């Protein structure tokens, strides 16, 4: 009987550690750190976590958890938005993976012409570093259809206005 209690205790500890390590890579601070590092690199001030924006992101992520489709939500212009999905090979994507993917588009952004290289995307990057976007909320869900990860970040106020530079 004592062995059973020890066994149950070990299982509880393992579950806690798995849950804790998952949260440790997807906390609000993890999203903020990744965003603010990219912003600091171009002398843009830091963002702050906003629970209202985060609730919007959570609601939308939960809607996408069934199909994992990279389709933007319709905030009616209230928020900017970046989407990410990844999976396969047992890899668990986290906050830093998503933000790093968006920031990797920096190589395609030309500040002088305020445009992306031909045939490339850079709008995810420009939203991350958009000077006027100062409040952030993000969410991450595992997709029920394929086990992949869907991550969304929303930005307030939104960025990426045509003809305006991000910073």
Foldseek 3Di string as FASTA:
>chain_A
DVVVVVVVVVVVVVVVVVVVVQCVQAPPVNLQVLLQVLQVVVPAHGAAEDVVQQVVQVVVQVVCQAPLDPDDDCPVQAKAKDKDKDDDPPDADYSNNRSVVLLVQVVQADQVVRDGNPPGDNVSNLQSNQRQFRYKHKDWDQHPVPRMIMIMMITPNTDDDPPDGSD
